[in-house]
């Protein structure tokens, strides 16, 4: 079984937009990725290979967590801390 592709929140948003406007034809995004340069709105998808994009569309994906320096986090064990680096 193939693993789900790990993608960013921006990439998730663009895939969802494509799925909304091209219902029933998920291959359209792959076709455009392979043949043409994607629009500036979809530039975040350019960092994915064709295989990675296909896996995200057909197998599924998980969105990577995005933490930045200065964010505060709480873990399941109750640890509270600030991201410093």
PDB file of N, CA and C in Angstrom:
ATOM      1  N   UNK A   1       0.841  -1.182   0.000  1.00  0.00           N
ATOM      2  CA  UNK A   1       0.000   0.000   0.000  1.00  0.00           C
ATOM      3  C   UNK A   1       0.883   1.241   0.000  1.00  0.00           C
ATOM      4  N   UNK A   2       0.536   2.191  -0.827  1.00  0.00           N
ATOM      5  CA  UNK A   2       1.302   3.436  -0.906  1.00  0.00           C
ATOM      6  C   UNK A   2       1.000   4.323   0.289  1.00  0.00           C
ATOM      7  N   UNK A   3       2.019   5.028   0.737  1.00  0.00           N
ATOM      8  CA  UNK A   3       1.843   5.984   1.829  1.00  0.00           C
ATOM      9  C   UNK A   3       1.261   7.276   1.295  1.00  0.00           C
ATOM     10  N   UNK A   4       0.547   7.977   2.151  1.00  0.00           N
ATOM     11  CA  UNK A   4       0.017   9.283   1.782  1.00  0.00           C
ATOM     12  C   UNK A   4       1.173  10.258   1.607  1.00  0.00           C
ATOM     13  N   UNK A   5       1.008  11.195   0.722  1.00  0.00           N
ATOM     14  CA  UNK A   5       2.008  12.222   0.476  1.00  0.00           C
ATOM     15  C   UNK A   5       1.909  13.291   1.557  1.00  0.00           C
ATOM     16  N   UNK A   6       3.036  13.792   2.023  1.00  0.00           N
ATOM     17  CA  UNK A   6       3.073  14.890   2.981  1.00  0.00           C
ATOM     18  C   UNK A   6       3.193  16.181   2.180  1.00  0.00           C
ATOM     19  N   UNK A   7       2.258  17.114   2.402  1.00  0.00           N
ATOM     20  CA  UNK A   7       2.251  18.374   1.665  1.00  0.00           C
ATOM     21  C   UNK A   7       2.058  19.537   2.628  1.00  0.00           C
ATOM     22  N   UNK A   8       2.292  20.737   2.125  1.00  0.00           N
ATOM     23  CA  UNK A   8       2.127  21.934   2.941  1.00  0.00           C
ATOM     24  C   UNK A   8       0.665  22.380   2.929  1.00  0.00           C
ATOM     25  N   UNK A   9       0.321  23.289   3.805  1.00  0.00           N
ATOM     26  CA  UNK A   9      -1.045  23.824   3.838  1.00  0.00           C
ATOM     27  C   UNK A   9      -1.381  24.551   2.527  1.00  0.00           C
ATOM     28  N   UNK A  10      -0.412  25.302   1.980  1.00  0.00           N
ATOM     29  CA  UNK A  10      -0.643  25.993   0.711  1.00  0.00           C
ATOM     30  C   UNK A  10      -0.947  24.992  -0.402  1.00  0.00           C
ATOM     31  N   UNK A  11      -0.188  23.896  -0.429  1.00  0.00           N
ATOM     32  CA  UNK A  11      -0.416  22.874  -1.447  1.00  0.00           C
ATOM     33  C   UNK A  11      -1.783  22.225  -1.269  1.00  0.00           C
ATOM     34  N   UNK A  12      -2.164  21.975  -0.021  1.00  0.00           N
ATOM     35  CA  UNK A  12      -3.483  21.401   0.244  1.00  0.00           C
ATOM     36  C   UNK A  12      -4.583  22.324  -0.285  1.00  0.00           C
ATOM     37  N   UNK A  13      -4.441  23.614  -0.018  1.00  0.00           N
ATOM     38  CA  UNK A  13      -5.449  24.580  -0.450  1.00  0.00           C
ATOM     39  C   UNK A  13      -5.589  24.577  -1.975  1.00  0.00           C
ATOM     40  N   UNK A  14      -4.475  24.556  -2.693  1.00  0.00           N
ATOM     41  CA  UNK A  14      -4.534  24.570  -4.158  1.00  0.00           C
ATOM     42  C   UNK A  14      -5.148  23.282  -4.699  1.00  0.00           C
ATOM     43  N   UNK A  15      -4.820  22.140  -4.102  1.00  0.00           N
ATOM     44  CA  UNK A  15      -5.414  20.876  -4.549  1.00  0.00           C
ATOM     45  C   UNK A  15      -6.917  20.901  -4.314  1.00  0.00           C
ATOM     46  N   UNK A  16      -7.356  21.411  -3.173  1.00  0.00           N
ATOM     47  CA  UNK A  16      -8.800  21.494  -2.893  1.00  0.00           C
ATOM     48  C   UNK A  16      -9.510  22.405  -3.891  1.00  0.00           C
ATOM     49  N   UNK A  17      -8.886  23.508  -4.258  1.00  0.00           N
ATOM     50  CA  UNK A  17      -9.476  24.403  -5.256  1.00  0.00           C
ATOM     51  C   UNK A  17      -9.622  23.667  -6.585  1.00  0.00           C
ATOM     52  N   UNK A  18      -8.577  22.945  -6.987  1.00  0.00           N
ATOM     53  CA  UNK A  18      -8.641  22.175  -8.232  1.00  0.00           C
ATOM     54  C   UNK A  18      -9.732  21.119  -8.168  1.00  0.00           C
ATOM     55  N   UNK A  19      -9.820  20.415  -7.040  1.00  0.00           N
ATOM     56  CA  UNK A  19     -10.845  19.379  -6.896  1.00  0.00           C
ATOM     57  C   UNK A  19     -12.240  19.987  -6.985  1.00  0.00           C
ATOM     58  N   UNK A  20     -12.422  21.178  -6.458  1.00  0.00           N
ATOM     59  CA  UNK A  20     -13.725  21.837  -6.488  1.00  0.00           C
ATOM     60  C   UNK A  20     -14.118  22.203  -7.926  1.00  0.00           C
ATOM     61  N   UNK A  21     -13.192  22.808  -8.650  1.00  0.00           N
ATOM     62  CA  UNK A  21     -13.518  23.279  -9.997  1.00  0.00           C
ATOM     63  C   UNK A  21     -13.450  22.198 -11.068  1.00  0.00           C
ATOM     64  N   UNK A  22     -12.749  21.125 -10.816  1.00  0.00           N
ATOM     65  CA  UNK A  22     -12.590  20.062 -11.815  1.00  0.00           C
ATOM     66  C   UNK A  22     -13.098  18.728 -11.260  1.00  0.00           C
ATOM     67  N   UNK A  23     -14.253  18.735 -10.648  1.00  0.00           N
ATOM     68  CA  UNK A  23     -14.854  17.535 -10.083  1.00  0.00           C
ATOM     69  C   UNK A  23     -14.979  16.472 -11.164  1.00  0.00           C
ATOM     70  N   UNK A  24     -14.580  15.261 -10.848  1.00  0.00           N
ATOM     71  CA  UNK A  24     -14.710  14.164 -11.790  1.00  0.00           C
ATOM     72  C   UNK A  24     -13.528  14.025 -12.735  1.00  0.00           C
ATOM     73  N   UNK A  25     -12.580  14.949 -12.681  1.00  0.00           N
ATOM     74  CA  UNK A  25     -11.414  14.844 -13.559  1.00  0.00           C
ATOM     75  C   UNK A  25     -10.155  15.265 -12.811  1.00  0.00           C
ATOM     76  N   UNK A  26      -9.719  14.462 -11.837  1.00  0.00           N
ATOM     77  CA  UNK A  26      -8.535  14.839 -11.054  1.00  0.00           C
ATOM     78  C   UNK A  26      -7.259  14.846 -11.890  1.00  0.00           C
ATOM     79  N   UNK A  27      -7.265  14.130 -13.013  1.00  0.00           N
ATOM     80  CA  UNK A  27      -6.076  14.079 -13.851  1.00  0.00           C
ATOM     81  C   UNK A  27      -5.751  15.389 -14.541  1.00  0.00           C
ATOM     82  N   UNK A  28      -6.695  16.323 -14.585  1.00  0.00           N
ATOM     83  CA  UNK A  28      -6.458  17.611 -15.235  1.00  0.00           C
ATOM     84  C   UNK A  28      -5.297  18.353 -14.582  1.00  0.00           C
ATOM     85  N   UNK A  29      -5.223  18.341 -13.273  1.00  0.00           N
ATOM     86  CA  UNK A  29      -4.128  18.996 -12.566  1.00  0.00           C
ATOM     87  C   UNK A  29      -2.807  18.330 -12.918  1.00  0.00           C
ATOM     88  N   UNK A  30      -2.786  17.014 -12.982  1.00  0.00           N
ATOM     89  CA  UNK A  30      -1.563  16.305 -13.367  1.00  0.00           C
ATOM     90  C   UNK A  30      -1.150  16.649 -14.786  1.00  0.00           C
ATOM     91  N   UNK A  31      -2.121  16.702 -15.673  1.00  0.00           N
ATOM     92  CA  UNK A  31      -1.848  17.037 -17.069  1.00  0.00           C
ATOM     93  C   UNK A  31      -1.210  18.420 -17.184  1.00  0.00           C
ATOM     94  N   UNK A  32      -1.785  19.391 -16.481  1.00  0.00           N
ATOM     95  CA  UNK A  32      -1.238  20.742 -16.520  1.00  0.00           C
ATOM     96  C   UNK A  32       0.140  20.807 -15.879  1.00  0.00           C
ATOM     97  N   UNK A  33       0.333  20.064 -14.804  1.00  0.00           N
ATOM     98  CA  UNK A  33       1.623  20.038 -14.118  1.00  0.00           C
ATOM     99  C   UNK A  33       2.686  19.474 -15.061  1.00  0.00           C
ATOM    100  N   UNK A  34       2.347  18.430 -15.796  1.00  0.00           N
ATOM    101  CA  UNK A  34       3.298  17.761 -16.669  1.00  0.00           C
ATOM    102  C   UNK A  34       3.587  18.546 -17.952  1.00  0.00           C
ATOM    103  N   UNK A  35       2.561  19.148 -18.528  1.00  0.00           N
ATOM    104  CA  UNK A  35       2.708  19.785 -19.839  1.00  0.00           C
ATOM    105  C   UNK A  35       3.040  21.264 -19.780  1.00  0.00           C
ATOM    106  N   UNK A  36       2.522  21.936 -18.771  1.00  0.00           N
ATOM    107  CA  UNK A  36       2.629  23.388 -18.745  1.00  0.00           C
ATOM    108  C   UNK A  36       3.111  23.864 -17.389  1.00  0.00           C
ATOM    109  N   UNK A  37       3.412  25.108 -17.347  1.00  0.00           N
ATOM    110  CA  UNK A  37       3.754  25.751 -16.097  1.00  0.00           C
ATOM    111  C   UNK A  37       2.445  26.140 -15.406  1.00  0.00           C
ATOM    112  N   UNK A  38       2.277  25.805 -14.159  1.00  0.00           N
ATOM    113  CA  UNK A  38       1.057  26.140 -13.428  1.00  0.00           C
ATOM    114  C   UNK A  38       0.997  27.641 -13.152  1.00  0.00           C
ATOM    115  N   UNK A  39      -0.186  28.149 -12.938  1.00  0.00           N
ATOM    116  CA  UNK A  39      -0.364  29.579 -12.690  1.00  0.00           C
ATOM    117  C   UNK A  39       0.356  29.997 -11.404  1.00  0.00           C
ATOM    118  N   UNK A  40       0.520  31.298 -11.253  1.00  0.00           N
ATOM    119  CA  UNK A  40       1.213  31.805 -10.072  1.00  0.00           C
ATOM    120  C   UNK A  40       0.476  31.445  -8.786  1.00  0.00           C
ATOM    121  N   UNK A  41      -0.857  31.311  -8.849  1.00  0.00           N
ATOM    122  CA  UNK A  41      -1.617  30.909  -7.666  1.00  0.00           C
ATOM    123  C   UNK A  41      -1.259  29.496  -7.236  1.00  0.00           C
ATOM    124  N   UNK A  42      -0.847  28.668  -8.185  1.00  0.00           N
ATOM    125  CA  UNK A  42      -0.536  27.267  -7.893  1.00  0.00           C
ATOM    126  C   UNK A  42       0.962  26.996  -7.848  1.00  0.00           C
ATOM    127  N   UNK A  43       1.777  28.045  -7.746  1.00  0.00           N
ATOM    128  CA  UNK A  43       3.223  27.846  -7.780  1.00  0.00           C
ATOM    129  C   UNK A  43       3.729  26.962  -6.641  1.00  0.00           C
ATOM    130  N   UNK A  44       2.993  26.901  -5.542  1.00  0.00           N
ATOM    131  CA  UNK A  44       3.411  26.051  -4.423  1.00  0.00           C
ATOM    132  C   UNK A  44       3.416  24.575  -4.828  1.00  0.00           C
ATOM    133  N   UNK A  45       2.652  24.214  -5.847  1.00  0.00           N
ATOM    134  CA  UNK A  45       2.612  22.822  -6.305  1.00  0.00           C
ATOM    135  C   UNK A  45       3.808  22.472  -7.183  1.00  0.00           C
ATOM    136  N   UNK A  46       4.518  23.481  -7.672  1.00  0.00           N
ATOM    137  CA  UNK A  46       5.668  23.229  -8.547  1.00  0.00           C
ATOM    138  C   UNK A  46       6.782  22.464  -7.837  1.00  0.00           C
ATOM    139  N   UNK A  47       6.840  22.564  -6.528  1.00  0.00           N
ATOM    140  CA  UNK A  47       7.898  21.866  -5.786  1.00  0.00           C
ATOM    141  C   UNK A  47       7.624  20.369  -5.663  1.00  0.00           C
ATOM    142  N   UNK A  48       6.409  19.937  -5.986  1.00  0.00           N
ATOM    143  CA  UNK A  48       6.082  18.512  -5.968  1.00  0.00           C
ATOM    144  C   UNK A  48       6.452  17.881  -7.309  1.00  0.00           C
ATOM    145  N   UNK A  49       7.015  16.691  -7.271  1.00  0.00           N
ATOM    146  CA  UNK A  49       7.244  15.969  -8.514  1.00  0.00           C
ATOM    147  C   UNK A  49       5.902  15.479  -9.033  1.00  0.00           C
ATOM    148  N   UNK A  50       5.880  15.029 -10.268  1.00  0.00           N
ATOM    149  CA  UNK A  50       4.644  14.501 -10.834  1.00  0.00           C
ATOM    150  C   UNK A  50       4.170  13.296 -10.018  1.00  0.00           C
ATOM    151  N   UNK A  51       5.100  12.436  -9.609  1.00  0.00           N
ATOM    152  CA  UNK A  51       4.748  11.277  -8.783  1.00  0.00           C
ATOM    153  C   UNK A  51       4.142  11.697  -7.444  1.00  0.00           C
ATOM    154  N   UNK A  52       4.732  12.702  -6.804  1.00  0.00           N
ATOM    155  CA  UNK A  52       4.229  13.159  -5.513  1.00  0.00           C
ATOM    156  C   UNK A  52       2.838  13.762  -5.646  1.00  0.00           C
ATOM    157  N   UNK A  53       2.623  14.549  -6.691  1.00  0.00           N
ATOM    158  CA  UNK A  53       1.311  15.149  -6.907  1.00  0.00           C
ATOM    159  C   UNK A  53       0.276  14.067  -7.204  1.00  0.00           C
ATOM    160  N   UNK A  54       0.637  13.089  -8.018  1.00  0.00           N
ATOM    161  CA  UNK A  54      -0.283  11.988  -8.332  1.00  0.00           C
ATOM    162  C   UNK A  54      -0.647  11.218  -7.068  1.00  0.00           C
ATOM    163  N   UNK A  55       0.338  10.955  -6.219  1.00  0.00           N
ATOM    164  CA  UNK A  55       0.070  10.236  -4.973  1.00  0.00           C
ATOM    165  C   UNK A  55      -0.867  11.042  -4.084  1.00  0.00           C
ATOM    166  N   UNK A  56      -0.651  12.367  -4.006  1.00  0.00           N
ATOM    167  CA  UNK A  56      -1.512  13.219  -3.185  1.00  0.00           C
ATOM    168  C   UNK A  56      -2.947  13.208  -3.700  1.00  0.00           C
ATOM    169  N   UNK A  57      -3.119  13.223  -5.022  1.00  0.00           N
ATOM    170  CA  UNK A  57      -4.455  13.268  -5.608  1.00  0.00           C
ATOM    171  C   UNK A  57      -5.167  11.920  -5.511  1.00  0.00           C
ATOM    172  N   UNK A  58      -4.470  10.846  -5.844  1.00  0.00           N
ATOM    173  CA  UNK A  58      -5.131   9.546  -5.955  1.00  0.00           C
ATOM    174  C   UNK A  58      -5.072   8.691  -4.692  1.00  0.00           C
ATOM    175  N   UNK A  59      -4.005   8.834  -3.890  1.00  0.00           N
ATOM    176  CA  UNK A  59      -3.858   8.023  -2.675  1.00  0.00           C
ATOM    177  C   UNK A  59      -4.325   8.796  -1.451  1.00  0.00           C
ATOM    178  N   UNK A  60      -4.025  10.082  -1.430  1.00  0.00           N
ATOM    179  CA  UNK A  60      -4.364  10.930  -0.293  1.00  0.00           C
ATOM    180  C   UNK A  60      -3.141  11.688   0.176  1.00  0.00           C
ATOM    181  N   UNK A  61      -3.349  12.559   1.139  1.00  0.00           N
ATOM    182  CA  UNK A  61      -2.230  13.347   1.656  1.00  0.00           C
ATOM    183  C   UNK A  61      -2.468  13.713   3.100  1.00  0.00           C
ATOM    184  N   UNK A  62      -1.375  14.089   3.758  1.00  0.00           N
ATOM    185  CA  UNK A  62      -1.418  14.619   5.109  1.00  0.00           C
ATOM    186  C   UNK A  62      -0.712  15.960   5.053  1.00  0.00           C
ATOM    187  N   UNK A  63      -1.219  16.910   5.800  1.00  0.00           N
ATOM    188  CA  UNK A  63      -0.632  18.248   5.798  1.00  0.00           C
ATOM    189  C   UNK A  63       0.406  18.330   6.900  1.00  0.00           C
ATOM    190  N   UNK A  64       1.613  18.786   6.534  1.00  0.00           N
ATOM    191  CA  UNK A  64       2.663  18.913   7.533  1.00  0.00           C
ATOM    192  C   UNK A  64       2.352  20.070   8.466  1.00  0.00           C
ATOM    193  N   UNK A  65       2.715  19.907   9.715  1.00  0.00           N
ATOM    194  CA  UNK A  65       2.504  20.967  10.694  1.00  0.00           C
ATOM    195  C   UNK A  65       3.494  22.081  10.432  1.00  0.00           C
ATOM    196  N   UNK A  66       3.043  23.287  10.543  1.00  0.00           N
ATOM    197  CA  UNK A  66       3.899  24.442  10.309  1.00  0.00           C
ATOM    198  C   UNK A  66       4.019  25.249  11.588  1.00  0.00           C
ATOM    199  N   UNK A  67       5.186  25.162  12.191  1.00  0.00           N
ATOM    200  CA  UNK A  67       5.459  25.944  13.389  1.00  0.00           C
ATOM    201  C   UNK A  67       6.543  26.947  13.054  1.00  0.00           C
ATOM    202  N   UNK A  68       6.460  28.096  13.674  1.00  0.00           N
ATOM    203  CA  UNK A  68       7.438  29.145  13.434  1.00  0.00           C
ATOM    204  C   UNK A  68       8.070  29.560  14.743  1.00  0.00           C
ATOM    205  N   UNK A  69       9.252  30.153  14.652  1.00  0.00           N
ATOM    206  CA  UNK A  69       9.928  30.666  15.837  1.00  0.00           C
ATOM    207  C   UNK A  69       9.006  31.659  16.526  1.00  0.00           C
ATOM    208  N   UNK A  70       8.830  31.478  17.828  1.00  0.00           N
ATOM    209  CA  UNK A  70       7.969  32.353  18.609  1.00  0.00           C
ATOM    210  C   UNK A  70       6.582  31.775  18.869  1.00  0.00           C
ATOM    211  N   UNK A  71       6.207  30.716  18.111  1.00  0.00           N
ATOM    212  CA  UNK A  71       4.922  30.061  18.366  1.00  0.00           C
ATOM    213  C   UNK A  71       4.984  29.329  19.699  1.00  0.00           C
ATOM    214  N   UNK A  72       3.858  29.285  20.381  1.00  0.00           N
ATOM    215  CA  UNK A  72       3.755  28.514  21.613  1.00  0.00           C
ATOM    216  C   UNK A  72       3.042  27.218  21.290  1.00  0.00           C
ATOM    217  N   UNK A  73       3.510  26.129  21.885  1.00  0.00           N
ATOM    218  CA  UNK A  73       2.907  24.827  21.630  1.00  0.00           C
ATOM    219  C   UNK A  73       2.528  24.155  22.937  1.00  0.00           C
ATOM    220  N   UNK A  74       1.548  23.295  22.867  1.00  0.00           N
ATOM    221  CA  UNK A  74       1.145  22.458  23.994  1.00  0.00           C
ATOM    222  C   UNK A  74       1.119  21.032  23.467  1.00  0.00           C
ATOM    223  N   UNK A  75       1.843  20.140  24.130  1.00  0.00           N
ATOM    224  CA  UNK A  75       1.875  18.749  23.700  1.00  0.00           C
ATOM    225  C   UNK A  75       0.783  17.959  24.400  1.00  0.00           C
ATOM    226  N   UNK A  76       0.619  16.717  23.985  1.00  0.00           N
ATOM    227  CA  UNK A  76      -0.385  15.849  24.603  1.00  0.00           C
ATOM    228  C   UNK A  76      -0.087  15.592  26.069  1.00  0.00           C
ATOM    229  N   UNK A  77       1.176  15.680  26.439  1.00  0.00           N
ATOM    230  CA  UNK A  77       1.556  15.442  27.836  1.00  0.00           C
ATOM    231  C   UNK A  77       1.432  16.699  28.688  1.00  0.00           C
ATOM    232  N   UNK A  78       1.028  17.810  28.073  1.00  0.00           N
ATOM    233  CA  UNK A  78       0.823  19.030  28.836  1.00  0.00           C
ATOM    234  C   UNK A  78       1.981  19.987  28.827  1.00  0.00           C
ATOM    235  N   UNK A  79       3.085  19.637  28.150  1.00  0.00           N
ATOM    236  CA  UNK A  79       4.236  20.540  28.078  1.00  0.00           C
ATOM    237  C   UNK A  79       3.841  21.769  27.268  1.00  0.00           C
ATOM    238  N   UNK A  80       4.169  22.926  27.816  1.00  0.00           N
ATOM    239  CA  UNK A  80       3.942  24.192  27.119  1.00  0.00           C
ATOM    240  C   UNK A  80       5.290  24.829  26.894  1.00  0.00           C
ATOM    241  N   UNK A  81       5.554  25.235  25.671  1.00  0.00           N
ATOM    242  CA  UNK A  81       6.834  25.846  25.390  1.00  0.00           C
ATOM    243  C   UNK A  81       6.782  26.721  24.164  1.00  0.00           C
ATOM    244  N   UNK A  82       7.820  27.536  24.008  1.00  0.00           N
ATOM    245  CA  UNK A  82       7.931  28.425  22.876  1.00  0.00           C
ATOM    246  C   UNK A  82       8.980  27.877  21.930  1.00  0.00           C
ATOM    247  N   UNK A  83       8.699  27.924  20.643  1.00  0.00           N
ATOM    248  CA  UNK A  83       9.670  27.464  19.652  1.00  0.00           C
ATOM    249  C   UNK A  83      10.725  28.550  19.517  1.00  0.00           C
ATOM    250  N   UNK A  84      11.989  28.159  19.754  1.00  0.00           N
ATOM    251  CA  UNK A  84      13.047  29.141  19.787  1.00  0.00           C
ATOM    252  C   UNK A  84      13.956  29.102  18.557  1.00  0.00           C
ATOM    253  N   UNK A  85      13.986  28.006  17.844  1.00  0.00           N
ATOM    254  CA  UNK A  85      14.871  27.925  16.669  1.00  0.00           C
ATOM    255  C   UNK A  85      14.302  27.051  15.621  1.00  0.00           C
TER     256      UNK A  85
END
